[in-house]
């Protein structure tokens, strides 16, 4: 990468000023307690760089990475023969009141509070597949008149659709009249009536034919179900064959939303959870639905799973094809797990998960015996929803280790490795490492960690500190962990921390 001379000069001046300031702060205001990394085994003073603390040289000079002047590593108290893990747990940095004010270090209390984990996802509104219907012609014939002549029309059960001329229907009507006039057996008359019903006539039409004994040359076909016409194949004066589709209907009183939930979030998604969603077509309005089905197959290309949300849509505000943004709010238990949805113990149909009732019985849609939903049925106690939480701003995450800096006494900070659950708003649930009432640094913790590195004490990238590590480290020491990802505000915007790089020889 090429830099102009002016820009290069400015960068060098800034680097020198920052390094000198960091070194001055470290030398003047911070005192480290822990394993001594300031001298080598032979007693030689170790010199380090305030910008690159992995540089540990036995003599003063310039940093081989950024050419900043090296500063002497601050000596600390001996660890009295403790092992690395014990030293790491006992390492501590002490700040004077003036240093704390200069570094803008602030703390917060680790305490129990209700937490809600949010899963945000997007999806597309689609038809409720259980309400789709097709109206077919059951006989050959000719459409003499078409009543529903464009798509989008909403029809109700019993609405007229077409007037159909069909020779087959004429013959079937004549057969019924002959059976009635000849006073044929009840079975013969019943068979003739059933034949007309199977071919699309309504019960009222058959009764009218039986009463008035008058054949209709053109028979009106009526809608058997309710819905919006989404597809129309019938054409005025057109011919139809038996089995051909005339109309396709979809009931829009309820719609489905298929959400794409990432694999990493799938463990917290449960049947029966409530979902809030918004659309661009209706700003400021929130729709609510419930998760009724989780697809058992993962989409490998996107690493997502389709989650079906059923939504009431009586005013037809949601249109199939719309995109929607959804939020699944999941209350957490004290151990960080997702709280039950409240449907456990109720009964549902294996074929129709939309059916949900508190008592056993049979499915109203298919007649199958309902099964009980497994899970805890007891109502949660308030204390079960109180989660030990640490602020997001207190957490330093390298991708391998997660640290917080705990204030053991006034002005004395120690790094503590913690295990956390999934983020819930501005907090993480604490699974291990912290206790209620402890004070953790929520601002200035990056500066604290850098001072631990400068002094060779255990820190985010160096769990065992840098005692005895010197020189350019060409293959002699393990490579540093990945760069830390800031997880909170540090008083003002901070650039992403870069992982320390091994020094290189300049030839």
Protein backbone atom coordinates (compact mmCIF):
# COMPACT_ATOMS: atom_id res chain seq x y z
CA UNK A 1 0.00 0.00 0.00
CA UNK A 2 1.45 3.40 -0.97
CA UNK A 3 1.10 6.47 1.23
CA UNK A 4 1.98 10.05 0.43
CA UNK A 5 4.93 11.52 2.39
CA UNK A 6 2.63 13.94 4.24
CA UNK A 7 0.21 11.21 5.24
CA UNK A 8 3.05 8.96 6.34
CA UNK A 9 4.49 11.72 8.51
CA UNK A 10 1.11 12.41 10.11
CA UNK A 11 0.55 8.72 10.87
CA UNK A 12 3.99 8.39 12.43
CA UNK A 13 3.46 11.47 14.62
CA UNK A 14 0.03 10.21 15.77
CA UNK A 15 1.43 6.76 16.53
CA UNK A 16 4.30 8.23 18.57
CA UNK A 17 1.99 10.52 20.53
CA UNK A 18 -0.50 7.71 21.29
CA UNK A 19 2.30 5.36 22.26
CA UNK A 20 3.96 7.88 24.54
CA UNK A 21 0.61 8.70 26.12
CA UNK A 22 -0.21 5.03 26.64
CA UNK A 23 3.24 4.43 28.09
CA UNK A 24 2.93 7.42 30.36
CA UNK A 25 -0.44 6.31 31.61
CA UNK A 26 0.85 2.81 32.19
CA UNK A 27 3.94 4.00 34.01
CA UNK A 28 2.26 6.75 36.03
CA UNK A 29 -1.17 5.49 36.98
CA UNK A 30 -1.34 1.68 36.81
CA UNK A 31 0.21 -0.81 39.14
CA UNK A 32 0.03 -4.50 38.27
CA UNK A 33 -0.03 -7.40 40.70
CA UNK A 34 0.69 -10.90 39.43
CA UNK A 35 3.39 -12.85 37.66
CA UNK A 36 6.48 -10.72 36.91
CA UNK A 37 7.08 -10.43 33.14
CA UNK A 38 9.36 -7.38 33.36
CA UNK A 39 12.65 -9.26 33.65
CA UNK A 40 14.10 -12.30 31.93
CA UNK A 41 15.54 -15.32 33.71
CA UNK A 42 18.99 -13.72 33.79
CA UNK A 43 17.66 -10.53 35.37
CA UNK A 44 17.70 -8.45 32.17
CA UNK A 45 15.07 -5.71 31.97
CA UNK A 46 12.34 -6.37 29.36
CA UNK A 47 11.40 -3.57 26.99
CA UNK A 48 7.99 -3.56 25.26
CA UNK A 49 5.88 -1.47 22.89
CA UNK A 50 2.75 0.25 24.18
CA UNK A 51 1.04 -0.41 20.85
CA UNK A 52 2.30 -3.98 20.39
CA UNK A 53 2.71 -5.56 23.84
CA UNK A 54 3.72 -8.92 22.34
CA UNK A 55 7.07 -7.35 21.55
CA UNK A 56 9.44 -8.24 24.45
CA UNK A 57 13.04 -7.20 23.88
CA UNK A 58 16.02 -7.29 26.28
CA UNK A 59 17.20 -3.75 25.42
CA UNK A 60 15.71 -0.34 24.56
CA UNK A 61 15.16 0.72 20.99
CA UNK A 62 12.31 0.98 18.57
CA UNK A 63 9.40 -1.36 17.99
CA UNK A 64 10.18 -3.62 14.99
CA UNK A 65 6.52 -3.34 13.93
CA UNK A 66 5.64 0.35 14.20
CA UNK A 67 9.02 1.97 15.05
CA UNK A 68 7.67 3.53 18.25
CA UNK A 69 10.13 3.94 21.14
CA UNK A 70 10.09 0.97 23.48
CA UNK A 71 9.22 1.43 27.15
CA UNK A 72 10.37 -0.70 30.09
CA UNK A 73 7.87 -3.31 31.21
CA UNK A 74 6.48 -2.43 34.61
CA UNK A 75 7.73 -4.83 37.28
CA UNK A 76 5.13 -6.48 39.50
CA UNK A 77 5.03 -8.63 42.60
CA UNK A 78 6.07 -12.26 42.36
CA UNK A 79 3.37 -14.91 42.23
CA UNK A 80 4.99 -17.01 44.95
CA UNK A 81 5.21 -20.10 42.85
CA UNK A 82 1.57 -20.29 41.84
CA UNK A 83 0.74 -22.02 38.55
CA UNK A 84 -0.41 -20.20 35.43
CA UNK A 85 -4.14 -20.61 36.02
CA UNK A 86 -3.86 -19.43 39.61
CA UNK A 87 -1.74 -16.50 38.52
CA UNK A 88 -4.30 -15.62 35.91
CA UNK A 89 -7.09 -15.64 38.50
CA UNK A 90 -5.07 -13.57 40.99
CA UNK A 91 -3.61 -11.01 38.56
CA UNK A 92 -4.87 -7.57 39.38
CA UNK A 93 -4.45 -4.01 38.16
CA UNK A 94 -4.75 -1.11 40.55
CA UNK A 95 -5.91 2.34 39.44
CA UNK A 96 -5.53 5.49 41.38
CA UNK A 97 -8.48 7.88 41.49
CA UNK A 98 -6.74 10.13 38.98
CA UNK A 99 -6.02 7.22 36.62
CA UNK A 100 -9.61 6.06 36.84
CA UNK A 101 -10.87 9.49 35.92
CA UNK A 102 -8.37 9.79 33.06
CA UNK A 103 -9.38 6.38 31.67
CA UNK A 104 -13.13 7.05 32.16
CA UNK A 105 -13.59 3.68 33.82
CA UNK A 106 -17.18 3.00 34.90
CA UNK A 107 -18.70 -0.07 36.54
CA UNK A 108 -22.11 -1.71 36.87
CA UNK A 109 -23.56 -4.31 39.20
CA UNK A 110 -24.17 -7.90 38.16
CA UNK A 111 -27.72 -8.67 39.30
CA UNK A 112 -30.77 -10.75 38.51
CA UNK A 113 -33.40 -9.34 36.16
CA UNK A 114 -36.03 -10.59 33.67
CA UNK A 115 -34.48 -11.12 30.23
CA UNK A 116 -36.08 -11.61 26.83
CA UNK A 117 -34.14 -12.97 23.89
CA UNK A 118 -35.26 -11.62 20.52
CA UNK A 119 -35.01 -13.46 17.23
CA UNK A 120 -35.46 -11.25 14.19
CA UNK A 121 -36.35 -12.86 10.88
CA UNK A 122 -37.93 -12.03 7.55
CA UNK A 123 -40.43 -14.02 5.55
CA UNK A 124 -43.10 -13.95 2.88
CA UNK A 125 -46.85 -14.03 3.39
CA UNK A 126 -48.47 -17.01 1.67
CA UNK A 127 -51.87 -18.66 1.39
CA UNK A 128 -53.11 -20.79 4.23
CA UNK A 129 -52.78 -24.12 2.43
CA UNK A 130 -55.57 -25.71 4.44
CA UNK A 131 -58.09 -23.26 2.91
CA UNK A 132 -57.20 -23.76 -0.77
CA UNK A 133 -59.97 -25.22 -2.93
CA UNK A 134 -60.53 -26.06 -6.59
CA UNK A 135 -63.93 -26.09 -8.32
CA UNK A 136 -64.05 -28.58 -11.18
CA UNK A 137 -66.60 -29.51 -13.81
CA UNK A 138 -67.81 -33.04 -13.13
CA UNK A 139 -69.42 -33.51 -16.53
CA UNK A 140 -68.77 -32.56 -20.14
CA UNK A 141 -70.61 -29.43 -21.19
CA UNK A 142 -70.67 -25.89 -22.52
CA UNK A 143 -70.61 -22.70 -20.44
CA UNK A 144 -73.67 -20.73 -21.51
CA UNK A 145 -73.21 -17.96 -18.95
CA UNK A 146 -70.25 -17.04 -16.74
CA UNK A 147 -71.08 -15.18 -13.52
CA UNK A 148 -67.59 -15.07 -11.96
CA UNK A 149 -65.70 -13.59 -14.87
CA UNK A 150 -62.47 -12.21 -13.34
CA UNK A 151 -59.94 -13.20 -10.67
CA UNK A 152 -59.99 -11.55 -7.26
CA UNK A 153 -63.75 -11.92 -6.78
CA UNK A 154 -64.72 -13.17 -3.33
CA UNK A 155 -67.40 -15.85 -3.39
CA UNK A 156 -69.49 -17.35 -0.61
CA UNK A 157 -70.93 -20.87 -0.36
CA UNK A 158 -74.04 -20.99 -2.58
CA UNK A 159 -73.01 -18.17 -4.94
CA UNK A 160 -73.72 -18.95 -8.59
CA UNK A 161 -70.69 -19.53 -10.78
CA UNK A 162 -71.77 -20.66 -14.27
CA UNK A 163 -74.78 -21.84 -16.27
CA UNK A 164 -73.81 -25.10 -17.90
CA UNK A 165 -75.46 -26.95 -20.79
CA UNK A 166 -74.60 -30.64 -20.49
CA UNK A 167 -76.21 -33.55 -22.38
CA UNK A 168 -75.11 -35.85 -19.55
CA UNK A 169 -77.05 -33.79 -17.00
CA UNK A 170 -80.12 -33.80 -19.24
CA UNK A 171 -80.06 -37.60 -19.41
CA UNK A 172 -79.52 -37.88 -15.64
CA UNK A 173 -82.51 -35.63 -14.95
CA UNK A 174 -84.66 -37.67 -17.33
CA UNK A 175 -83.64 -40.89 -15.57
CA UNK A 176 -84.84 -39.52 -12.23
CA UNK A 177 -88.20 -38.43 -13.68
CA UNK A 178 -88.76 -41.83 -15.34
CA UNK A 179 -88.01 -43.60 -12.07
CA UNK A 180 -90.51 -41.35 -10.26
CA UNK A 181 -93.25 -41.68 -12.88
CA UNK A 182 -92.95 -45.46 -13.05
CA UNK A 183 -92.92 -45.66 -9.26
CA UNK A 184 -89.70 -47.58 -9.38
CA UNK A 185 -88.09 -49.01 -6.29
CA UNK A 186 -86.73 -46.70 -3.66
CA UNK A 187 -83.19 -47.83 -4.46
CA UNK A 188 -83.55 -46.87 -8.14
CA UNK A 189 -84.90 -43.42 -7.30
CA UNK A 190 -82.20 -42.91 -4.68
CA UNK A 191 -79.49 -43.87 -7.13
CA UNK A 192 -80.79 -41.37 -9.67
CA UNK A 193 -80.83 -38.60 -7.06
CA UNK A 194 -77.30 -39.41 -5.83
CA UNK A 195 -76.02 -39.37 -9.43
CA UNK A 196 -77.23 -35.79 -9.89
CA UNK A 197 -75.73 -34.72 -6.55
CA UNK A 198 -72.38 -36.28 -7.48
CA UNK A 199 -72.38 -34.42 -10.78
CA UNK A 200 -72.60 -31.02 -9.13
CA UNK A 201 -76.25 -30.25 -8.49
CA UNK A 202 -77.25 -29.05 -5.04
CA UNK A 203 -79.80 -30.76 -2.82
CA UNK A 204 -82.24 -27.88 -3.44
CA UNK A 205 -81.96 -28.35 -7.21
CA UNK A 206 -82.66 -32.09 -6.97
CA UNK A 207 -85.63 -31.49 -4.66
CA UNK A 208 -87.02 -28.89 -7.06
CA UNK A 209 -86.73 -31.37 -9.94
CA UNK A 210 -88.50 -34.03 -7.91
CA UNK A 211 -91.33 -31.68 -6.94
CA UNK A 212 -91.98 -29.87 -10.23
CA UNK A 213 -90.97 -32.71 -12.60
CA UNK A 214 -89.44 -30.16 -15.02
CA UNK A 215 -86.03 -30.71 -16.64
CA UNK A 216 -83.59 -27.75 -16.70
CA UNK A 217 -81.79 -27.52 -20.00
CA UNK A 218 -79.14 -25.23 -18.51
CA UNK A 219 -78.01 -26.10 -14.99
CA UNK A 220 -76.52 -23.49 -12.68
CA UNK A 221 -73.41 -24.57 -10.75
CA UNK A 222 -72.98 -23.02 -7.30
CA UNK A 223 -69.86 -22.50 -5.17
CA UNK A 224 -69.39 -25.16 -2.49
CA UNK A 225 -66.95 -23.10 -0.42
CA UNK A 226 -65.88 -19.59 0.52
CA UNK A 227 -62.81 -17.86 -0.81
CA UNK A 228 -61.17 -15.44 -3.19
CA UNK A 229 -60.79 -16.49 -6.81
CA UNK A 230 -57.06 -16.67 -7.42
CA UNK A 231 -57.20 -18.44 -10.77
CA UNK A 232 -59.97 -18.69 -13.41
CA UNK A 233 -60.00 -21.22 -16.25
CA UNK A 234 -63.68 -20.95 -17.19
CA UNK A 235 -64.37 -18.89 -20.32
CA UNK A 236 -67.66 -17.54 -21.63
CA UNK A 237 -69.19 -19.98 -24.21
CA UNK A 238 -66.26 -22.31 -23.67
CA UNK A 239 -66.38 -26.08 -23.60
CA UNK A 240 -65.31 -28.00 -20.54
CA UNK A 241 -64.48 -31.63 -19.99
CA UNK A 242 -65.22 -33.67 -16.91
CA UNK A 243 -62.47 -33.06 -14.33
CA UNK A 244 -61.31 -29.73 -15.77
CA UNK A 245 -60.69 -26.91 -13.27
CA UNK A 246 -63.06 -23.96 -13.47
CA UNK A 247 -61.81 -21.86 -10.53
CA UNK A 248 -59.19 -21.95 -7.78
CA UNK A 249 -60.15 -20.39 -4.43
CA UNK A 250 -58.16 -19.30 -1.39
CA UNK A 251 -59.66 -18.17 1.91
CA UNK A 252 -57.68 -15.12 3.07
CA UNK A 253 -59.29 -14.91 6.52
CA UNK A 254 -56.04 -16.44 7.74
CA UNK A 255 -52.62 -16.46 6.08
CA UNK A 256 -49.30 -18.12 6.70
CA UNK A 257 -45.92 -16.47 7.10
CA UNK A 258 -42.85 -18.60 6.44
CA UNK A 259 -39.89 -17.22 8.41
CA UNK A 260 -36.27 -18.09 7.67
CA UNK A 261 -34.68 -18.79 11.06
CA UNK A 262 -30.93 -19.34 11.18
CA UNK A 263 -29.52 -22.60 12.44
CA UNK A 264 -27.85 -20.90 15.41
CA UNK A 265 -31.23 -19.63 16.69
CA UNK A 266 -33.25 -22.76 16.05
CA UNK A 267 -32.73 -24.24 19.54
CA UNK A 268 -34.81 -21.45 21.10
CA UNK A 269 -37.74 -21.66 18.66
CA UNK A 270 -40.72 -23.68 19.95
CA UNK A 271 -44.17 -24.64 18.79
CA UNK A 272 -46.77 -22.19 20.08
CA UNK A 273 -44.52 -19.13 20.50
CA UNK A 274 -46.07 -15.74 19.74
CA UNK A 275 -44.66 -13.68 16.87
CA UNK A 276 -45.05 -9.95 16.12
CA UNK A 277 -44.62 -8.81 12.53
CA UNK A 278 -44.70 -5.61 10.51
CA UNK A 279 -44.96 -4.84 6.81
CA UNK A 280 -44.05 -1.87 4.65
CA UNK A 281 -47.65 -1.66 3.44
CA UNK A 282 -48.95 -0.92 6.95
CA UNK A 283 -46.39 1.22 8.81
CA UNK A 284 -47.08 1.52 12.51
CA UNK A 285 -49.32 -1.54 12.60
CA UNK A 286 -48.22 -4.77 14.27
CA UNK A 287 -49.76 -8.11 13.43
CA UNK A 288 -49.61 -11.10 15.76
CA UNK A 289 -49.40 -14.79 15.02
CA UNK A 290 -48.31 -18.06 16.54
CA UNK A 291 -45.74 -20.62 15.44
CA UNK A 292 -47.58 -23.77 14.40
CA UNK A 293 -44.95 -25.73 12.52
CA UNK A 294 -41.15 -25.98 12.28
CA UNK A 295 -39.85 -27.54 9.09
CA UNK A 296 -37.83 -30.69 9.87
CA UNK A 297 -35.40 -30.05 6.97
CA UNK A 298 -32.62 -27.43 6.94
CA UNK A 299 -31.96 -25.40 3.79
CA UNK A 300 -28.25 -26.02 3.28
CA UNK A 301 -27.62 -23.05 0.98
CA UNK A 302 -28.78 -20.46 3.52
CA UNK A 303 -28.41 -22.54 6.72
CA UNK A 304 -31.97 -21.62 7.69
CA UNK A 305 -35.14 -23.49 8.63
CA UNK A 306 -38.64 -22.54 7.51
CA UNK A 307 -40.89 -21.71 10.46
CA UNK A 308 -44.63 -21.40 9.82
CA UNK A 309 -46.58 -18.64 11.57
CA UNK A 310 -50.38 -18.64 11.37
CA UNK A 311 -51.92 -15.14 11.35
CA UNK A 312 -55.56 -14.07 11.58
CA UNK A 313 -56.37 -11.81 8.61
CA UNK A 314 -60.10 -11.12 8.79
CA UNK A 315 -59.75 -7.67 7.20
CA UNK A 316 -57.50 -9.08 4.41
CA UNK A 317 -54.83 -6.47 5.14
CA UNK A 318 -52.07 -9.01 4.55
CA UNK A 319 -51.74 -10.06 0.92
CA UNK A 320 -50.00 -13.24 -0.22
CA UNK A 321 -46.60 -12.33 -1.61
CA UNK A 322 -45.91 -9.51 0.88
CA UNK A 323 -42.60 -9.47 2.73
CA UNK A 324 -42.75 -9.09 6.50
CA UNK A 325 -40.26 -8.51 9.31
CA UNK A 326 -40.91 -10.58 12.42
CA UNK A 327 -39.72 -10.60 16.02
CA UNK A 328 -39.94 -13.67 18.24
CA UNK A 329 -39.62 -12.57 21.87
CA UNK A 330 -38.53 -15.43 24.09
CA UNK A 331 -38.48 -15.01 27.90
CA UNK A 332 -35.48 -16.73 29.49
CA UNK A 333 -35.35 -18.92 32.56
CA UNK A 334 -32.82 -18.47 35.34
CA UNK A 335 -30.49 -21.00 33.68
CA UNK A 336 -30.60 -19.18 30.33
CA UNK A 337 -32.96 -21.60 28.57
CA UNK A 338 -36.07 -20.49 26.69
CA UNK A 339 -39.17 -20.37 28.87
CA UNK A 340 -42.10 -22.68 28.02
CA UNK A 341 -44.69 -21.27 25.62
CA UNK A 342 -47.71 -22.20 27.72
CA UNK A 343 -49.17 -24.75 25.29
CA UNK A 344 -47.62 -27.78 27.02
CA UNK A 345 -50.29 -30.11 28.34
CA UNK A 346 -52.87 -29.09 25.73
CA UNK A 347 -53.97 -31.32 22.87
CA UNK A 348 -53.33 -30.97 19.15
CA UNK A 349 -53.67 -32.99 15.96
CA UNK A 350 -50.55 -34.54 14.42
CA UNK A 351 -51.93 -33.75 10.95
CA UNK A 352 -53.34 -30.30 11.76
CA UNK A 353 -51.23 -28.39 14.33
CA UNK A 354 -53.63 -25.45 14.02
CA UNK A 355 -56.07 -27.43 16.14
CA UNK A 356 -55.32 -26.70 19.79
CA UNK A 357 -57.67 -27.40 22.70
CA UNK A 358 -57.32 -28.04 26.44
CA UNK A 359 -59.27 -31.31 26.46
CA UNK A 360 -58.62 -34.61 24.64
CA UNK A 361 -60.84 -35.62 21.77
CA UNK A 362 -60.82 -35.91 17.99
CA UNK A 363 -59.59 -33.45 15.38
CA UNK A 364 -62.44 -31.38 13.99
CA UNK A 365 -60.78 -31.41 10.57
CA UNK A 366 -59.79 -35.03 10.03
CA UNK A 367 -61.20 -37.00 12.96
CA UNK A 368 -57.82 -38.22 14.27
CA UNK A 369 -57.33 -38.64 18.00
CA UNK A 370 -55.61 -35.60 19.49
CA UNK A 371 -52.23 -35.99 21.19
CA UNK A 372 -50.98 -34.15 24.26
CA UNK A 373 -48.15 -31.65 23.82
CA UNK A 374 -45.18 -32.64 26.03
CA UNK A 375 -43.50 -30.25 28.43
CA UNK A 376 -43.89 -28.71 31.89
CA UNK A 377 -47.46 -27.73 32.67
CA UNK A 378 -46.91 -25.97 36.00
CA UNK A 379 -47.10 -22.20 35.95
CA UNK A 380 -43.72 -20.50 36.25
CA UNK A 381 -42.81 -18.78 39.50
CA UNK A 382 -41.58 -15.16 39.27
CA UNK A 383 -38.13 -16.08 40.57
CA UNK A 384 -37.70 -18.60 37.74
CA UNK A 385 -37.71 -15.71 35.28
CA UNK A 386 -35.03 -13.74 37.16
CA UNK A 387 -31.74 -14.26 35.32
CA UNK A 388 -28.25 -13.34 36.57
CA UNK A 389 -27.16 -10.87 33.88
CA UNK A 390 -24.07 -8.89 32.94
CA UNK A 391 -24.21 -5.79 30.69
CA UNK A 392 -23.09 -6.29 27.09
CA UNK A 393 -20.67 -3.38 27.44
CA UNK A 394 -18.72 -5.29 30.11
CA UNK A 395 -17.92 -8.26 27.89
CA UNK A 396 -14.70 -8.67 25.89
CA UNK A 397 -14.93 -11.50 23.38
CA UNK A 398 -11.96 -12.77 21.38
CA UNK A 399 -13.93 -15.54 19.72
CA UNK A 400 -12.07 -18.06 21.88
CA UNK A 401 -12.32 -16.53 25.35
CA UNK A 402 -14.84 -14.23 27.00
CA UNK A 403 -13.63 -11.89 29.75
CA UNK A 404 -15.02 -9.29 32.07
CA UNK A 405 -13.01 -7.10 34.43
CA UNK A 406 -14.27 -7.30 38.00
CA UNK A 407 -13.52 -4.63 40.59
CA UNK A 408 -12.43 -6.69 43.59
CA UNK A 409 -11.74 -3.67 45.77
CA UNK A 410 -11.76 0.05 45.14
CA UNK A 411 -9.62 0.68 42.08
CA UNK A 412 -8.43 -2.95 41.82
CA UNK A 413 -9.54 -4.86 38.71
CA UNK A 414 -9.02 -8.51 37.83
CA UNK A 415 -9.90 -10.38 34.61
CA UNK A 416 -12.50 -13.13 34.99
CA UNK A 417 -13.28 -15.64 32.28
CA UNK A 418 -17.03 -16.21 32.04
CA UNK A 419 -19.50 -18.42 30.21
CA UNK A 420 -22.51 -16.57 28.87
CA UNK A 421 -25.80 -17.43 27.22
CA UNK A 422 -27.38 -15.83 24.18
CA UNK A 423 -27.60 -12.06 24.16
CA UNK A 424 -30.89 -10.64 25.43
CA UNK A 425 -31.11 -6.95 24.61
CA UNK A 426 -28.38 -5.07 26.49
CA UNK A 427 -27.45 -8.03 28.70
CA UNK A 428 -26.01 -11.52 28.62
CA UNK A 429 -27.25 -14.25 30.97
CA UNK A 430 -24.36 -15.47 33.14
CA UNK A 431 -23.96 -19.23 33.20
CA UNK A 432 -20.63 -19.38 35.02
CA UNK A 433 -17.92 -17.09 36.40
CA UNK A 434 -19.77 -14.25 38.17
CA UNK A 435 -21.89 -13.79 41.26
CA UNK A 436 -24.67 -11.38 42.02
CA UNK A 437 -23.54 -8.06 43.47
CA UNK A 438 -20.10 -7.98 41.80
CA UNK A 439 -18.98 -4.79 40.07
CA UNK A 440 -17.79 -5.13 36.46
CA UNK A 441 -16.19 -2.53 34.20
CA UNK A 442 -18.61 -1.39 31.48
CA UNK A 443 -16.41 1.44 30.20
CA UNK A 444 -12.66 1.53 29.94
CA UNK A 445 -12.33 -2.27 29.93
CA UNK A 446 -10.40 -2.22 26.65
CA UNK A 447 -7.87 0.14 28.24
CA UNK A 448 -7.65 -2.15 31.25
CA UNK A 449 -6.97 -5.12 29.04
CA UNK A 450 -4.28 -3.24 27.10
CA UNK A 451 -2.51 -2.36 30.35
CA UNK A 452 -2.58 -6.00 31.40
CA UNK A 453 -0.92 -6.85 28.08
CA UNK A 454 1.69 -4.10 28.40
CA UNK A 455 2.64 -5.32 31.85
CA UNK A 456 2.78 -8.94 30.72
CA UNK A 457 -0.14 -10.00 32.92
CA UNK A 458 -2.85 -12.46 31.84
CA UNK A 459 -5.27 -10.72 29.46
CA UNK A 460 -7.80 -11.41 26.72
CA UNK A 461 -5.27 -12.63 24.13
CA UNK A 462 -2.76 -14.08 26.57
CA UNK A 463 -4.47 -16.28 29.20
CA UNK A 464 -1.11 -17.06 30.89
CA UNK A 465 0.42 -13.64 30.46
CA UNK A 466 3.68 -12.96 28.62
CA UNK A 467 6.18 -13.89 31.30
CA UNK A 468 9.43 -15.08 29.77
CA UNK A 469 8.30 -14.29 26.20
CA UNK A 470 10.85 -12.11 24.47
CA UNK A 471 12.37 -11.41 21.08
CA UNK A 472 10.57 -11.55 17.77
CA UNK A 473 8.65 -14.78 18.48
CA UNK A 474 9.34 -16.44 15.11
CA UNK A 475 7.44 -19.67 15.67
CA UNK A 476 8.48 -19.91 19.32
CA UNK A 477 5.20 -18.82 20.86
CA UNK A 478 1.66 -19.71 20.02
CA UNK A 479 -0.05 -17.24 17.73
CA UNK A 480 -2.39 -14.79 19.41
CA UNK A 481 -6.13 -15.36 19.46
CA UNK A 482 -8.41 -13.62 16.92
CA UNK A 483 -9.21 -9.97 17.33
CA UNK A 484 -11.56 -8.93 20.11
CA UNK A 485 -15.02 -7.83 19.07
CA UNK A 486 -16.34 -4.83 21.02
CA UNK A 487 -19.67 -5.78 22.56
CA UNK A 488 -20.65 -2.48 24.10
CA UNK A 489 -20.04 1.25 24.17
CA UNK A 490 -16.78 2.42 25.56
CA UNK A 491 -17.90 6.00 26.18
CA UNK A 492 -17.32 6.82 22.48
CA UNK A 493 -16.90 4.90 19.26
CA UNK A 494 -13.76 2.77 19.19
CA UNK A 495 -12.15 1.04 16.22
CA UNK A 496 -12.13 -2.73 16.09
CA UNK A 497 -9.21 -4.11 18.09
CA UNK A 498 -6.64 -5.90 15.95
CA UNK A 499 -4.94 -9.05 17.08
CA UNK A 500 -1.27 -8.59 17.96
CA UNK A 501 1.06 -9.70 15.17
CA UNK A 502 4.46 -11.32 15.63
CA UNK A 503 7.35 -8.97 15.08
CA UNK A 504 9.23 -9.26 11.81
CA UNK A 505 12.94 -8.79 11.10
CA UNK A 506 13.80 -5.88 8.90
CA UNK A 507 16.58 -6.69 6.49
